[in-house]
């Protein structure tokens, strides 16, 4: 009695299309989530400046500059 009579049941191809759409949405949602996680983790990387971040005259004058000193120079 709970099942829909055949006259009111959707055609089989409509059910297949719905399932395909759900599967596609799930794949897209998974890809978007993966991109967001990757972006978040990339934003959390170390922010210590490197020798390439410094002006060339500072880098050539003091090649052994520490990260704290480099942050002071860049600030």
N, C-alpha and C. Protein backbone atom coordinates (compact mmCIF):
# COMPACT_ATOMS: atom_id res chain seq x y z
N UNK A 1 0.81 -1.18 0.00
CA UNK A 1 0.00 0.00 0.00
C UNK A 1 0.87 1.26 0.00
N UNK A 2 2.10 1.15 0.53
CA UNK A 2 2.98 2.31 0.56
C UNK A 2 3.58 2.63 -0.80
N UNK A 3 3.71 1.64 -1.64
CA UNK A 3 4.32 1.87 -2.95
C UNK A 3 3.35 2.64 -3.84
N UNK A 4 3.92 3.48 -4.68
CA UNK A 4 3.10 4.25 -5.61
C UNK A 4 2.55 3.34 -6.70
N UNK A 5 1.33 3.55 -7.08
CA UNK A 5 0.83 2.78 -8.22
C UNK A 5 1.64 3.13 -9.47
N UNK A 6 1.65 2.26 -10.43
CA UNK A 6 2.45 2.45 -11.64
C UNK A 6 2.09 3.75 -12.35
N UNK A 7 0.86 4.18 -12.27
CA UNK A 7 0.44 5.40 -12.96
C UNK A 7 1.10 6.63 -12.35
N UNK A 8 1.47 6.58 -11.07
CA UNK A 8 2.05 7.74 -10.40
C UNK A 8 3.56 7.62 -10.19
N UNK A 9 4.13 6.49 -10.47
CA UNK A 9 5.57 6.29 -10.30
C UNK A 9 6.32 6.97 -11.44
N UNK A 10 7.48 7.56 -11.15
CA UNK A 10 8.25 8.19 -12.23
C UNK A 10 8.80 7.14 -13.18
N UNK A 11 8.99 7.50 -14.42
CA UNK A 11 9.56 6.53 -15.37
C UNK A 11 11.00 6.18 -14.97
N UNK A 12 11.45 4.99 -15.31
CA UNK A 12 12.79 4.54 -14.88
C UNK A 12 13.92 5.47 -15.33
N UNK A 13 13.83 6.05 -16.54
CA UNK A 13 14.90 6.93 -16.99
C UNK A 13 14.98 8.20 -16.15
N UNK A 14 13.84 8.67 -15.62
CA UNK A 14 13.86 9.86 -14.77
C UNK A 14 14.59 9.56 -13.46
N UNK A 15 14.39 8.36 -12.94
CA UNK A 15 15.07 7.96 -11.71
C UNK A 15 16.57 7.87 -11.97
N UNK A 16 16.96 7.33 -13.11
CA UNK A 16 18.38 7.21 -13.45
C UNK A 16 19.01 8.60 -13.59
N UNK A 17 18.29 9.53 -14.20
CA UNK A 17 18.82 10.89 -14.34
C UNK A 17 19.01 11.55 -12.99
N UNK A 18 18.05 11.33 -12.10
CA UNK A 18 18.16 11.92 -10.75
C UNK A 18 19.38 11.35 -10.03
N UNK A 19 19.56 10.05 -10.15
CA UNK A 19 20.72 9.42 -9.49
C UNK A 19 22.02 9.94 -10.09
N UNK A 20 22.05 10.11 -11.39
CA UNK A 20 23.26 10.63 -12.04
C UNK A 20 23.53 12.06 -11.60
N UNK A 21 22.47 12.86 -11.47
CA UNK A 21 22.65 14.24 -11.00
C UNK A 21 23.18 14.27 -9.58
N UNK A 22 22.63 13.40 -8.73
CA UNK A 22 23.10 13.34 -7.34
C UNK A 22 24.57 12.93 -7.29
N UNK A 23 24.92 11.94 -8.09
CA UNK A 23 26.32 11.49 -8.12
C UNK A 23 27.23 12.60 -8.61
N UNK A 24 26.79 13.34 -9.63
CA UNK A 24 27.59 14.44 -10.16
C UNK A 24 27.74 15.53 -9.12
N UNK A 25 26.65 15.84 -8.43
CA UNK A 25 26.72 16.86 -7.37
C UNK A 25 27.67 16.43 -6.26
N UNK A 26 27.63 15.15 -5.92
CA UNK A 26 28.52 14.65 -4.88
C UNK A 26 29.98 14.77 -5.31
N UNK A 27 30.28 14.45 -6.57
CA UNK A 27 31.66 14.59 -7.06
C UNK A 27 32.10 16.04 -7.07
N UNK A 28 31.21 16.93 -7.50
CA UNK A 28 31.55 18.36 -7.53
C UNK A 28 31.75 18.88 -6.12
N UNK A 29 30.88 18.48 -5.20
CA UNK A 29 31.03 18.91 -3.81
C UNK A 29 32.34 18.39 -3.22
N UNK A 30 32.72 17.17 -3.55
CA UNK A 30 33.99 16.63 -3.07
C UNK A 30 35.18 17.38 -3.64
N UNK A 31 35.10 17.74 -4.92
CA UNK A 31 36.19 18.49 -5.53
C UNK A 31 36.31 19.88 -4.93
N UNK A 32 35.18 20.53 -4.68
CA UNK A 32 35.20 21.87 -4.08
C UNK A 32 35.77 21.79 -2.67
N UNK A 33 35.37 20.78 -1.92
CA UNK A 33 35.88 20.61 -0.56
C UNK A 33 37.39 20.38 -0.59
N UNK A 34 37.85 19.56 -1.51
CA UNK A 34 39.29 19.31 -1.62
C UNK A 34 40.06 20.59 -1.95
N UNK A 35 39.50 21.40 -2.84
CA UNK A 35 40.15 22.67 -3.18
C UNK A 35 40.18 23.62 -1.98
N UNK A 36 39.10 23.67 -1.22
CA UNK A 36 39.07 24.53 -0.04
C UNK A 36 40.08 24.08 1.00
N UNK A 37 40.17 22.79 1.22
CA UNK A 37 41.13 22.26 2.20
C UNK A 37 42.56 22.55 1.73
N UNK A 38 42.82 22.35 0.45
CA UNK A 38 44.15 22.63 -0.09
C UNK A 38 44.50 24.11 0.05
N UNK A 39 43.54 24.97 -0.25
CA UNK A 39 43.77 26.41 -0.11
C UNK A 39 44.01 26.82 1.32
N UNK A 40 43.26 26.22 2.23
CA UNK A 40 43.43 26.54 3.64
C UNK A 40 44.80 26.10 4.14
N UNK A 41 45.21 24.91 3.76
CA UNK A 41 46.52 24.42 4.19
C UNK A 41 47.65 25.22 3.55
N UNK A 42 47.46 25.66 2.33
CA UNK A 42 48.49 26.47 1.68
C UNK A 42 48.62 27.82 2.36
N UNK A 43 47.51 28.35 2.86
CA UNK A 43 47.56 29.64 3.55
C UNK A 43 48.24 29.53 4.91
N UNK A 44 48.30 28.32 5.45
CA UNK A 44 48.89 28.12 6.78
C UNK A 44 50.38 27.79 6.70
N UNK A 45 50.97 27.91 5.54
CA UNK A 45 52.39 27.57 5.43
C UNK A 45 53.24 28.60 6.16
N UNK A 46 54.49 28.28 6.32
CA UNK A 46 55.41 29.16 7.05
C UNK A 46 55.52 30.50 6.32
N UNK A 47 55.50 31.56 7.10
CA UNK A 47 55.55 32.89 6.49
C UNK A 47 56.91 33.55 6.70
N UNK A 48 57.92 32.78 7.06
CA UNK A 48 59.26 33.36 7.23
C UNK A 48 59.77 33.82 5.87
N UNK A 49 60.29 35.04 5.81
CA UNK A 49 60.82 35.52 4.53
C UNK A 49 62.10 34.78 4.16
N UNK A 50 62.32 34.67 2.89
CA UNK A 50 63.56 34.05 2.39
C UNK A 50 64.48 35.15 1.87
N UNK A 51 65.65 34.77 1.47
CA UNK A 51 66.62 35.74 0.96
C UNK A 51 66.11 36.39 -0.33
N UNK A 52 65.27 35.67 -1.07
CA UNK A 52 64.71 36.23 -2.31
C UNK A 52 63.68 37.32 -2.03
N UNK A 53 63.09 37.32 -0.83
CA UNK A 53 62.10 38.34 -0.49
C UNK A 53 62.74 39.68 -0.14
N UNK A 54 64.00 39.68 0.20
CA UNK A 54 64.67 40.91 0.63
C UNK A 54 65.16 41.72 -0.56
N UNK A 55 65.30 43.02 -0.37
CA UNK A 55 65.92 43.82 -1.43
C UNK A 55 67.34 43.32 -1.70
N UNK A 56 67.79 43.47 -2.92
CA UNK A 56 69.09 42.90 -3.31
C UNK A 56 70.25 43.49 -2.52
N UNK A 57 70.18 44.77 -2.19
CA UNK A 57 71.30 45.36 -1.44
C UNK A 57 71.39 44.81 -0.02
N UNK A 58 70.25 44.53 0.60
CA UNK A 58 70.25 43.95 1.95
C UNK A 58 70.76 42.51 1.87
N UNK A 59 70.31 41.77 0.89
CA UNK A 59 70.73 40.37 0.76
C UNK A 59 72.22 40.26 0.48
N UNK A 60 72.76 41.17 -0.32
CA UNK A 60 74.20 41.10 -0.61
C UNK A 60 75.04 41.61 0.55
N UNK A 61 74.52 42.56 1.31
CA UNK A 61 75.28 43.09 2.45
C UNK A 61 75.29 42.11 3.61
N UNK A 62 74.22 41.37 3.79
CA UNK A 62 74.12 40.46 4.93
C UNK A 62 73.48 39.15 4.49
N UNK A 63 74.22 38.24 3.89
CA UNK A 63 73.63 36.99 3.40
C UNK A 63 73.19 36.04 4.51
N UNK A 64 73.67 36.24 5.74
CA UNK A 64 73.31 35.34 6.84
C UNK A 64 72.25 35.97 7.73
N UNK A 65 71.35 36.75 7.17
CA UNK A 65 70.33 37.45 7.96
C UNK A 65 69.34 36.43 8.53
N UNK A 66 68.90 36.67 9.76
CA UNK A 66 67.94 35.75 10.40
C UNK A 66 66.52 36.10 9.95
N UNK A 67 65.60 35.20 10.25
CA UNK A 67 64.20 35.41 9.87
C UNK A 67 63.61 36.62 10.59
N UNK A 68 63.96 36.79 11.87
CA UNK A 68 63.44 37.94 12.62
C UNK A 68 63.96 39.25 12.06
N UNK A 69 65.25 39.28 11.71
CA UNK A 69 65.82 40.49 11.13
C UNK A 69 65.22 40.78 9.76
N UNK A 70 64.98 39.74 8.99
CA UNK A 70 64.38 39.93 7.67
C UNK A 70 62.96 40.47 7.78
N UNK A 71 62.21 39.98 8.77
CA UNK A 71 60.86 40.51 8.97
C UNK A 71 60.92 41.98 9.37
N UNK A 72 61.91 42.36 10.17
CA UNK A 72 62.07 43.76 10.55
C UNK A 72 62.40 44.62 9.33
N UNK A 73 63.25 44.12 8.46
CA UNK A 73 63.62 44.87 7.27
C UNK A 73 62.41 45.04 6.35
N UNK A 74 61.62 44.00 6.22
CA UNK A 74 60.47 44.04 5.32
C UNK A 74 59.29 44.82 5.90
N UNK A 75 59.28 45.03 7.21
CA UNK A 75 58.14 45.73 7.84
C UNK A 75 58.15 47.20 7.59
